[in-house]
Amino acid sequence: MYEKRAYSAEVMFGTMVSELRNPNVSIMLATAGLDFFIIDMEHGTYNYTDMAALVSMARGVGIDPFVRIPEIRRETVLKPLDAGATTLVVPQIEGAQQVEEVLELALYPDRGRRGVALRRAHSFYRAASPVEYMRHANTNTIILPQIETLKGLENVEKIAAVPGVGGLFIGPFDLSVELGSPGELESTELLSAYNKIIETSKKNGIPTAMQVFSSDMAYKMINYGVSICSVSSDVNIITDNAKKMVYGIKKQLNHHTE
């Protein structure tokens, strides 16, 4: 079904963060070599102060903070951008009109109607030419509509064609639920859905992003054309590695007592 693509050095690796609030997690993930992480304000319980602290530290150590907003409202779009995030993941996108709404809130005039507050975290509190700053911000603000429903999949070509869309973000688990096979992330139907999204991105000259759940899945999806790959999450990394550690110690202890 897929044409294999050569691994590219341009692939970005990240992870999803929904529980850890200490801004030093940004340093840890940068030290681990990740290119970005996603601050999940959809399913996580972060408030704006939590988000802003994570974004600020991330920018200071050179790792890109994405923010997944909970829904499309003025404050959910504006506050992450004013805090310094430049990439927003927008869940449950099902049509081009939703994308237009997000872009209108996220971009400055003439393209949008984002409110202007220049000396904020996004500009490192520097004095700047309003015209130059707004032009720079509009060029560097990236909106990633998340395709995770059947309606979104049906309308993916219209969504991708909206001027200003920065890429398409595949939400595999919700898509698997919509397709009636929860958690079967490599079913024939789901692979076909991935392919449709990836090919649509390629046709429109934009990248495909995806949340994956293992290094094996990451490798497969990168070969299929995903170039922004969020692997696992803070919850899985901590829980699974702690479980592996405890299991290994207990196994050794049991071996020595036999």
C-alpha atoms as a PDB file:
ATOM      1  CA  MET A   1       0.000   0.000   0.000  1.00  0.00           C
ATOM      2  CA  TYR A   2       2.865   2.367   0.792  1.00  0.00           C
ATOM      3  CA  GLU A   3       5.777   3.524  -1.268  1.00  0.00           C
ATOM      4  CA  LYS A   4       8.819   3.301   1.025  1.00  0.00           C
ATOM      5  CA  ARG A   5      10.670   6.574   1.460  1.00  0.00           C
ATOM      6  CA  ALA A   6      14.270   6.932   2.539  1.00  0.00           C
ATOM      7  CA  TYR A   7      14.891   8.098   6.086  1.00  0.00           C
ATOM      8  CA  SER A   8      15.424  11.865   6.138  1.00  0.00           C
ATOM      9  CA  ALA A   9      17.608  13.869   8.496  1.00  0.00           C
ATOM     10  CA  GLU A  10      14.817  16.446   8.390  1.00  0.00           C
ATOM     11  CA  VAL A  11      12.529  14.251  10.498  1.00  0.00           C
ATOM     12  CA  MET A  12      11.659  15.857  13.827  1.00  0.00           C
ATOM     13  CA  PHE A  13      11.243  13.738  16.957  1.00  0.00           C
ATOM     14  CA  GLY A  14       9.242  14.708  20.014  1.00  0.00           C
ATOM     15  CA  THR A  15       6.898  13.388  22.673  1.00  0.00           C
ATOM     16  CA  MET A  16       3.574  14.277  24.291  1.00  0.00           C
ATOM     17  CA  VAL A  17       3.559  15.820  27.777  1.00  0.00           C
ATOM     18  CA  SER A  18       0.311  15.904  29.755  1.00  0.00           C
ATOM     19  CA  GLU A  19       1.217  15.459  33.438  1.00  0.00           C
ATOM     20  CA  LEU A  20       4.650  16.932  34.252  1.00  0.00           C
ATOM     21  CA  ARG A  21       4.476  20.574  35.294  1.00  0.00           C
ATOM     22  CA  ASN A  22       7.991  21.423  36.426  1.00  0.00           C
ATOM     23  CA  PRO A  23       9.446  23.535  33.601  1.00  0.00           C
ATOM     24  CA  ASN A  24      12.730  21.655  33.983  1.00  0.00           C
ATOM     25  CA  VAL A  25      11.098  18.834  32.007  1.00  0.00           C
ATOM     26  CA  SER A  26      11.944  21.024  28.989  1.00  0.00           C
ATOM     27  CA  ILE A  27      15.640  20.720  29.865  1.00  0.00           C
ATOM     28  CA  MET A  28      15.355  16.954  30.330  1.00  0.00           C
ATOM     29  CA  LEU A  29      13.725  16.463  26.927  1.00  0.00           C
ATOM     30  CA  ALA A  30      16.256  18.750  25.242  1.00  0.00           C
ATOM     31  CA  THR A  31      19.080  16.808  26.910  1.00  0.00           C
ATOM     32  CA  ALA A  32      17.524  13.593  25.580  1.00  0.00           C
ATOM     33  CA  GLY A  33      17.908  15.001  22.070  1.00  0.00           C
ATOM     34  CA  LEU A  34      14.264  15.627  21.199  1.00  0.00           C
ATOM     35  CA  ASP A  35      13.431  18.376  18.725  1.00  0.00           C
ATOM     36  CA  PHE A  36      10.053  19.270  20.235  1.00  0.00           C
ATOM     37  CA  PHE A  37       7.425  18.244  22.721  1.00  0.00           C
ATOM     38  CA  ILE A  38       3.666  18.751  22.739  1.00  0.00           C
ATOM     39  CA  ILE A  39       2.090  20.406  25.771  1.00  0.00           C
ATOM     40  CA  ASP A  40      -1.290  18.692  25.841  1.00  0.00           C
ATOM     41  CA  MET A  41      -3.975  21.130  26.972  1.00  0.00           C
ATOM     42  CA  GLU A  42      -6.698  18.974  25.421  1.00  0.00           C
ATOM     43  CA  HIS A  43      -6.424  15.890  27.631  1.00  0.00           C
ATOM     44  CA  GLY A  44      -3.929  17.232  30.172  1.00  0.00           C
ATOM     45  CA  THR A  45      -4.914  19.529  33.055  1.00  0.00           C
ATOM     46  CA  TYR A  46      -2.407  22.321  32.425  1.00  0.00           C
ATOM     47  CA  ASN A  47      -3.499  25.870  33.099  1.00  0.00           C
ATOM     48  CA  TYR A  48      -2.046  28.843  31.233  1.00  0.00           C
ATOM     49  CA  THR A  49       0.629  29.447  33.879  1.00  0.00           C
ATOM     50  CA  ASP A  50       1.820  25.830  33.616  1.00  0.00           C
ATOM     51  CA  MET A  51       1.900  26.077  29.833  1.00  0.00           C
ATOM     52  CA  ALA A  52       3.745  29.397  29.804  1.00  0.00           C
ATOM     53  CA  ALA A  53       6.451  28.099  32.152  1.00  0.00           C
ATOM     54  CA  LEU A  54       7.059  25.027  29.996  1.00  0.00           C
ATOM     55  CA  VAL A  55       7.143  27.126  26.822  1.00  0.00           C
ATOM     56  CA  SER A  56       9.531  29.681  28.314  1.00  0.00           C
ATOM     57  CA  MET A  57      12.040  27.089  29.516  1.00  0.00           C
ATOM     58  CA  ALA A  58      11.817  25.182  26.234  1.00  0.00           C
ATOM     59  CA  ARG A  59      12.692  28.279  24.235  1.00  0.00           C
ATOM     60  CA  GLY A  60      15.611  28.935  26.565  1.00  0.00           C
ATOM     61  CA  VAL A  61      17.168  25.506  25.987  1.00  0.00           C
ATOM     62  CA  GLY A  62      16.434  25.191  22.274  1.00  0.00           C
ATOM     63  CA  ILE A  63      13.623  22.632  22.120  1.00  0.00           C
ATOM     64  CA  ASP A  64      10.456  23.574  20.232  1.00  0.00           C
ATOM     65  CA  PRO A  65       7.293  23.673  22.392  1.00  0.00           C
ATOM     66  CA  PHE A  66       4.123  22.733  20.534  1.00  0.00           C
ATOM     67  CA  VAL A  67       0.794  23.309  22.297  1.00  0.00           C
ATOM     68  CA  ARG A  68      -2.272  21.173  21.653  1.00  0.00           C
ATOM     69  CA  ILE A  69      -5.174  23.460  22.439  1.00  0.00           C
ATOM     70  CA  PRO A  70      -8.401  22.099  23.969  1.00  0.00           C
ATOM     71  CA  GLU A  71     -10.784  23.777  21.522  1.00  0.00           C
ATOM     72  CA  ILE A  72     -11.040  26.714  19.144  1.00  0.00           C
ATOM     73  CA  ARG A  73     -11.578  29.872  21.177  1.00  0.00           C
ATOM     74  CA  ARG A  74      -9.815  33.219  21.148  1.00  0.00           C
ATOM     75  CA  GLU A  75      -7.965  32.685  24.434  1.00  0.00           C
ATOM     76  CA  THR A  76      -6.956  29.080  23.732  1.00  0.00           C
ATOM     77  CA  VAL A  77      -5.263  30.225  20.516  1.00  0.00           C
ATOM     78  CA  LEU A  78      -3.916  33.589  21.669  1.00  0.00           C
ATOM     79  CA  LYS A  79      -2.383  32.692  25.041  1.00  0.00           C
ATOM     80  CA  PRO A  80       0.032  29.956  23.858  1.00  0.00           C
ATOM     81  CA  LEU A  81       1.186  32.218  21.027  1.00  0.00           C
ATOM     82  CA  ASP A  82       1.702  35.189  23.347  1.00  0.00           C
ATOM     83  CA  ALA A  83       3.607  32.854  25.700  1.00  0.00           C
ATOM     84  CA  GLY A  84       6.039  32.116  22.874  1.00  0.00           C
ATOM     85  CA  ALA A  85       4.788  28.900  21.284  1.00  0.00           C
ATOM     86  CA  THR A  86       4.743  29.041  17.500  1.00  0.00           C
ATOM     87  CA  THR A  87       3.151  25.668  16.723  1.00  0.00           C
ATOM     88  CA  LEU A  88      -0.417  24.799  17.674  1.00  0.00           C
ATOM     89  CA  VAL A  89      -1.960  21.355  17.273  1.00  0.00           C
ATOM     90  CA  VAL A  90      -5.724  21.749  16.858  1.00  0.00           C
ATOM     91  CA  PRO A  91      -7.785  18.627  17.644  1.00  0.00           C
ATOM     92  CA  GLN A  92     -11.026  17.410  16.093  1.00  0.00           C
ATOM     93  CA  ILE A  93     -10.723  19.374  12.847  1.00  0.00           C
ATOM     94  CA  GLU A  94     -13.428  18.276  10.440  1.00  0.00           C
ATOM     95  CA  GLY A  95     -13.599  21.018   7.833  1.00  0.00           C
ATOM     96  CA  ALA A  96     -11.872  23.944   6.191  1.00  0.00           C
ATOM     97  CA  GLN A  97     -14.038  26.488   8.023  1.00  0.00           C
ATOM     98  CA  GLN A  98     -12.570  25.438  11.392  1.00  0.00           C
ATOM     99  CA  VAL A  99      -9.066  25.910  10.020  1.00  0.00           C
ATOM    100  CA  GLU A 100      -9.963  29.360   8.725  1.00  0.00           C
ATOM    101  CA  GLU A 101     -11.267  30.247  12.188  1.00  0.00           C
ATOM    102  CA  VAL A 102      -8.035  29.166  13.882  1.00  0.00           C
ATOM    103  CA  LEU A 103      -5.880  31.044  11.382  1.00  0.00           C
ATOM    104  CA  GLU A 104      -7.967  34.167  11.826  1.00  0.00           C
ATOM    105  CA  LEU A 105      -7.327  34.018  15.590  1.00  0.00           C
ATOM    106  CA  ALA A 106      -3.651  33.048  15.274  1.00  0.00           C
ATOM    107  CA  LEU A 107      -2.408  35.490  12.642  1.00  0.00           C
ATOM    108  CA  TYR A 108      -2.059  39.251  12.676  1.00  0.00           C
ATOM    109  CA  PRO A 109      -3.709  41.483  10.048  1.00  0.00           C
ATOM    110  CA  ASP A 110      -4.095  41.433   7.140  1.00  0.00           C
ATOM    111  CA  ARG A 111      -4.396  37.635   7.171  1.00  0.00           C
ATOM    112  CA  GLY A 112      -6.023  37.397  10.590  1.00  0.00           C
ATOM    113  CA  ARG A 113      -7.220  39.433  13.541  1.00  0.00           C
ATOM    114  CA  ARG A 114      -4.877  38.387  16.342  1.00  0.00           C
ATOM    115  CA  GLY A 115      -4.729  41.035  19.054  1.00  0.00           C
ATOM    116  CA  VAL A 116      -1.419  42.879  19.199  1.00  0.00           C
ATOM    117  CA  ALA A 117       0.647  43.015  22.398  1.00  0.00           C
ATOM    118  CA  LEU A 118       4.260  43.401  21.352  1.00  0.00           C
ATOM    119  CA  ARG A 119       6.377  43.340  24.522  1.00  0.00           C
ATOM    120  CA  ARG A 120       5.427  39.886  25.752  1.00  0.00           C
ATOM    121  CA  ALA A 121       7.195  36.551  26.114  1.00  0.00           C
ATOM    122  CA  HIS A 122       6.718  35.820  22.410  1.00  0.00           C
ATOM    123  CA  SER A 123       9.103  38.700  21.541  1.00  0.00           C
ATOM    124  CA  PHE A 124      11.394  38.085  24.534  1.00  0.00           C
ATOM    125  CA  TYR A 125      10.044  41.423  25.848  1.00  0.00           C
ATOM    126  CA  ARG A 126      12.101  43.323  23.291  1.00  0.00           C
ATOM    127  CA  ALA A 127      11.003  46.555  21.676  1.00  0.00           C
ATOM    128  CA  ALA A 128      10.321  45.842  18.019  1.00  0.00           C
ATOM    129  CA  SER A 129       8.906  47.388  14.892  1.00  0.00           C
ATOM    130  CA  PRO A 130       5.213  46.381  14.883  1.00  0.00           C
ATOM    131  CA  VAL A 131       5.151  45.823  11.129  1.00  0.00           C
ATOM    132  CA  GLU A 132       8.330  43.732  11.107  1.00  0.00           C
ATOM    133  CA  TYR A 133       7.309  41.699  14.152  1.00  0.00           C
ATOM    134  CA  MET A 134       3.815  40.921  12.872  1.00  0.00           C
ATOM    135  CA  ARG A 135       5.199  39.896   9.488  1.00  0.00           C
ATOM    136  CA  HIS A 136       7.756  37.628  11.179  1.00  0.00           C
ATOM    137  CA  ALA A 137       5.139  36.121  13.506  1.00  0.00           C
ATOM    138  CA  ASN A 138       2.720  35.404  10.672  1.00  0.00           C
ATOM    139  CA  THR A 139       5.472  33.655   8.718  1.00  0.00           C
ATOM    140  CA  ASN A 140       6.557  31.528  11.683  1.00  0.00           C
ATOM    141  CA  THR A 141       3.224  30.577  13.250  1.00  0.00           C
ATOM    142  CA  ILE A 142       2.422  26.960  12.394  1.00  0.00           C
ATOM    143  CA  ILE A 143      -1.071  25.500  12.644  1.00  0.00           C
ATOM    144  CA  LEU A 144      -1.405  21.706  12.544  1.00  0.00           C
ATOM    145  CA  PRO A 145      -5.030  20.540  12.139  1.00  0.00           C
ATOM    146  CA  GLN A 146      -5.452  17.126  13.754  1.00  0.00           C
ATOM    147  CA  ILE A 147      -7.246  14.610  11.557  1.00  0.00           C
ATOM    148  CA  GLU A 148      -8.873  12.058  13.845  1.00  0.00           C
ATOM    149  CA  THR A 149     -12.477  11.646  12.733  1.00  0.00           C
ATOM    150  CA  LEU A 150     -14.154  10.178   9.678  1.00  0.00           C
ATOM    151  CA  LYS A 151     -15.522  13.596   8.746  1.00  0.00           C
ATOM    152  CA  GLY A 152     -12.046  15.093   9.031  1.00  0.00           C
ATOM    153  CA  LEU A 153     -10.672  12.314   6.864  1.00  0.00           C
ATOM    154  CA  GLU A 154     -13.425  12.868   4.302  1.00  0.00           C
ATOM    155  CA  ASN A 155     -12.602  16.591   4.139  1.00  0.00           C
ATOM    156  CA  VAL A 156      -8.817  16.289   4.443  1.00  0.00           C
ATOM    157  CA  GLU A 157      -8.111  17.650   0.959  1.00  0.00           C
ATOM    158  CA  LYS A 158     -10.131  20.806   1.647  1.00  0.00           C
ATOM    159  CA  ILE A 159      -8.455  21.186   5.051  1.00  0.00           C
ATOM    160  CA  ALA A 160      -4.948  20.854   3.611  1.00  0.00           C
ATOM    161  CA  ALA A 161      -5.706  23.339   0.839  1.00  0.00           C
ATOM    162  CA  VAL A 162      -6.477  26.218   3.216  1.00  0.00           C
ATOM    163  CA  PRO A 163      -3.712  28.838   2.735  1.00  0.00           C
ATOM    164  CA  GLY A 164      -1.572  28.996   5.882  1.00  0.00           C
ATOM    165  CA  VAL A 165      -1.975  25.411   7.074  1.00  0.00           C
ATOM    166  CA  GLY A 166       1.419  24.263   8.360  1.00  0.00           C
ATOM    167  CA  GLY A 167       0.843  20.510   8.096  1.00  0.00           C
ATOM    168  CA  LEU A 168      -1.585  17.724   8.952  1.00  0.00           C
ATOM    169  CA  PHE A 169      -1.431  15.896  12.282  1.00  0.00           C
ATOM    170  CA  ILE A 170      -2.656  12.296  12.322  1.00  0.00           C
ATOM    171  CA  GLY A 171      -4.498  11.199  15.471  1.00  0.00           C
ATOM    172  CA  PRO A 172      -4.318   7.412  15.080  1.00  0.00           C
ATOM    173  CA  PHE A 173      -6.126   6.229  18.192  1.00  0.00           C
ATOM    174  CA  ASP A 174      -9.255   8.321  17.714  1.00  0.00           C
ATOM    175  CA  LEU A 175      -9.257   7.335  14.044  1.00  0.00           C
ATOM    176  CA  SER A 176      -9.133   3.673  15.061  1.00  0.00           C
ATOM    177  CA  VAL A 177     -12.170   4.233  17.300  1.00  0.00           C
ATOM    178  CA  GLU A 178     -14.027   6.020  14.509  1.00  0.00           C
ATOM    179  CA  LEU A 179     -13.283   3.120  12.175  1.00  0.00           C
ATOM    180  CA  GLY A 180     -14.684   0.627  14.677  1.00  0.00           C
ATOM    181  CA  SER A 181     -11.382  -1.025  15.622  1.00  0.00           C
ATOM    182  CA  PRO A 182     -10.172   0.712  18.813  1.00  0.00           C
ATOM    183  CA  GLY A 183      -6.432   0.375  19.297  1.00  0.00           C
ATOM    184  CA  GLU A 184      -5.821  -1.577  16.081  1.00  0.00           C
ATOM    185  CA  LEU A 185      -3.406   1.035  14.811  1.00  0.00           C
ATOM    186  CA  GLU A 186      -2.206  -0.906  11.780  1.00  0.00           C
ATOM    187  CA  SER A 187      -5.471  -2.300  10.480  1.00  0.00           C
ATOM    188  CA  THR A 188      -5.969  -2.210   6.721  1.00  0.00           C
ATOM    189  CA  GLU A 189      -8.553   0.561   7.004  1.00  0.00           C
ATOM    190  CA  LEU A 190      -6.376   2.675   9.263  1.00  0.00           C
ATOM    191  CA  LEU A 191      -3.295   2.254   7.066  1.00  0.00           C
ATOM    192  CA  SER A 192      -5.407   3.437   4.150  1.00  0.00           C
ATOM    193  CA  ALA A 193      -6.437   6.500   6.192  1.00  0.00           C
ATOM    194  CA  TYR A 194      -2.796   7.273   7.043  1.00  0.00           C
ATOM    195  CA  ASN A 195      -1.911   6.985   3.380  1.00  0.00           C
ATOM    196  CA  LYS A 196      -4.684   9.368   2.327  1.00  0.00           C
ATOM    197  CA  ILE A 197      -3.505  12.002   4.846  1.00  0.00           C
ATOM    198  CA  ILE A 198       0.181  11.608   3.973  1.00  0.00           C
ATOM    199  CA  GLU A 199      -0.457  11.826   0.240  1.00  0.00           C
ATOM    200  CA  THR A 200      -2.687  14.865   0.727  1.00  0.00           C
ATOM    201  CA  SER A 201       0.082  16.585   2.690  1.00  0.00           C
ATOM    202  CA  LYS A 202       2.588  15.744  -0.016  1.00  0.00           C
ATOM    203  CA  LYS A 203       0.278  17.092  -2.731  1.00  0.00           C
ATOM    204  CA  ASN A 204      -0.031  20.403  -0.856  1.00  0.00           C
ATOM    205  CA  GLY A 205       3.669  20.701  -0.017  1.00  0.00           C
ATOM    206  CA  ILE A 206       3.200  20.466   3.749  1.00  0.00           C
ATOM    207  CA  PRO A 207       4.527  17.922   6.282  1.00  0.00           C
ATOM    208  CA  THR A 208       2.610  15.171   8.026  1.00  0.00           C
ATOM    209  CA  ALA A 209       2.850  14.949  11.802  1.00  0.00           C
ATOM    210  CA  MET A 210       1.710  11.989  13.877  1.00  0.00           C
ATOM    211  CA  GLN A 211       1.433  10.727  17.436  1.00  0.00           C
ATOM    212  CA  VAL A 212       2.877   7.192  17.642  1.00  0.00           C
ATOM    213  CA  PHE A 213       3.238   4.844  20.563  1.00  0.00           C
ATOM    214  CA  SER A 214       6.522   2.995  20.078  1.00  0.00           C
ATOM    215  CA  SER A 215       9.858   3.294  18.323  1.00  0.00           C
ATOM    216  CA  ASP A 216       8.820   0.509  15.922  1.00  0.00           C
ATOM    217  CA  MET A 217       5.680   2.405  14.949  1.00  0.00           C
ATOM    218  CA  ALA A 218       7.744   5.583  14.551  1.00  0.00           C
ATOM    219  CA  TYR A 219      10.146   3.843  12.175  1.00  0.00           C
ATOM    220  CA  LYS A 220       7.288   2.504  10.045  1.00  0.00           C
ATOM    221  CA  MET A 221       5.446   5.812   9.881  1.00  0.00           C
ATOM    222  CA  ILE A 222       8.613   7.753   9.009  1.00  0.00           C
ATOM    223  CA  ASN A 223       9.237   5.355   6.141  1.00  0.00           C
ATOM    224  CA  TYR A 224       5.666   5.965   4.987  1.00  0.00           C
ATOM    225  CA  GLY A 225       6.183   9.737   4.899  1.00  0.00           C
ATOM    226  CA  VAL A 226       5.630  11.167   8.397  1.00  0.00           C
ATOM    227  CA  SER A 227       8.250  13.827   9.143  1.00  0.00           C
ATOM    228  CA  ILE A 228       7.081  15.240  12.503  1.00  0.00           C
ATOM    229  CA  CYS A 229       6.895  12.280  14.846  1.00  0.00           C
ATOM    230  CA  SER A 230       5.707  12.514  18.458  1.00  0.00           C
ATOM    231  CA  VAL A 231       6.683   9.254  20.144  1.00  0.00           C
ATOM    232  CA  SER A 232       5.017   8.058  23.349  1.00  0.00           C
ATOM    233  CA  SER A 233       4.358  10.427  26.276  1.00  0.00           C
ATOM    234  CA  ASP A 234       5.572  11.461  29.702  1.00  0.00           C
ATOM    235  CA  VAL A 235       3.095   9.007  31.255  1.00  0.00           C
ATOM    236  CA  ASN A 236       4.246   6.051  29.168  1.00  0.00           C
ATOM    237  CA  ILE A 237       7.954   6.854  29.429  1.00  0.00           C
ATOM    238  CA  ILE A 238       7.871   7.065  33.227  1.00  0.00           C
ATOM    239  CA  THR A 239       5.427   4.226  33.891  1.00  0.00           C
ATOM    240  CA  ASP A 240       6.780   1.720  31.388  1.00  0.00           C
ATOM    241  CA  ASN A 241      10.433   2.306  32.250  1.00  0.00           C
ATOM    242  CA  ALA A 242       9.713   2.142  35.984  1.00  0.00           C
ATOM    243  CA  LYS A 243       7.803  -1.102  35.449  1.00  0.00           C
ATOM    244  CA  LYS A 244      10.677  -2.530  33.403  1.00  0.00           C
ATOM    245  CA  MET A 245      13.172  -1.563  36.122  1.00  0.00           C
ATOM    246  CA  VAL A 246      11.114  -3.093  38.942  1.00  0.00           C
ATOM    247  CA  TYR A 247      10.486  -6.268  36.946  1.00  0.00           C
ATOM    248  CA  GLY A 248      14.203  -6.634  36.202  1.00  0.00           C
ATOM    249  CA  ILE A 249      15.205  -6.213  39.843  1.00  0.00           C
ATOM    250  CA  LYS A 250      12.570  -8.675  41.081  1.00  0.00           C
ATOM    251  CA  LYS A 251      13.582 -11.183  38.426  1.00  0.00           C
ATOM    252  CA  GLN A 252      17.217 -10.989  39.557  1.00  0.00           C
ATOM    253  CA  LEU A 253      16.238 -11.324  43.231  1.00  0.00           C
ATOM    254  CA  ASN A 254      14.057 -14.343  42.537  1.00  0.00           C
ATOM    255  CA  HIS A 255      16.870 -15.919  40.514  1.00  0.00           C
ATOM    256  CA  HIS A 256      19.342 -15.536  43.379  1.00  0.00           C
ATOM    257  CA  THR A 257      16.931 -16.956  45.983  1.00  0.00           C
ATOM    258  CA  GLU A 258      16.168 -20.098  44.041  1.00  0.00           C
END
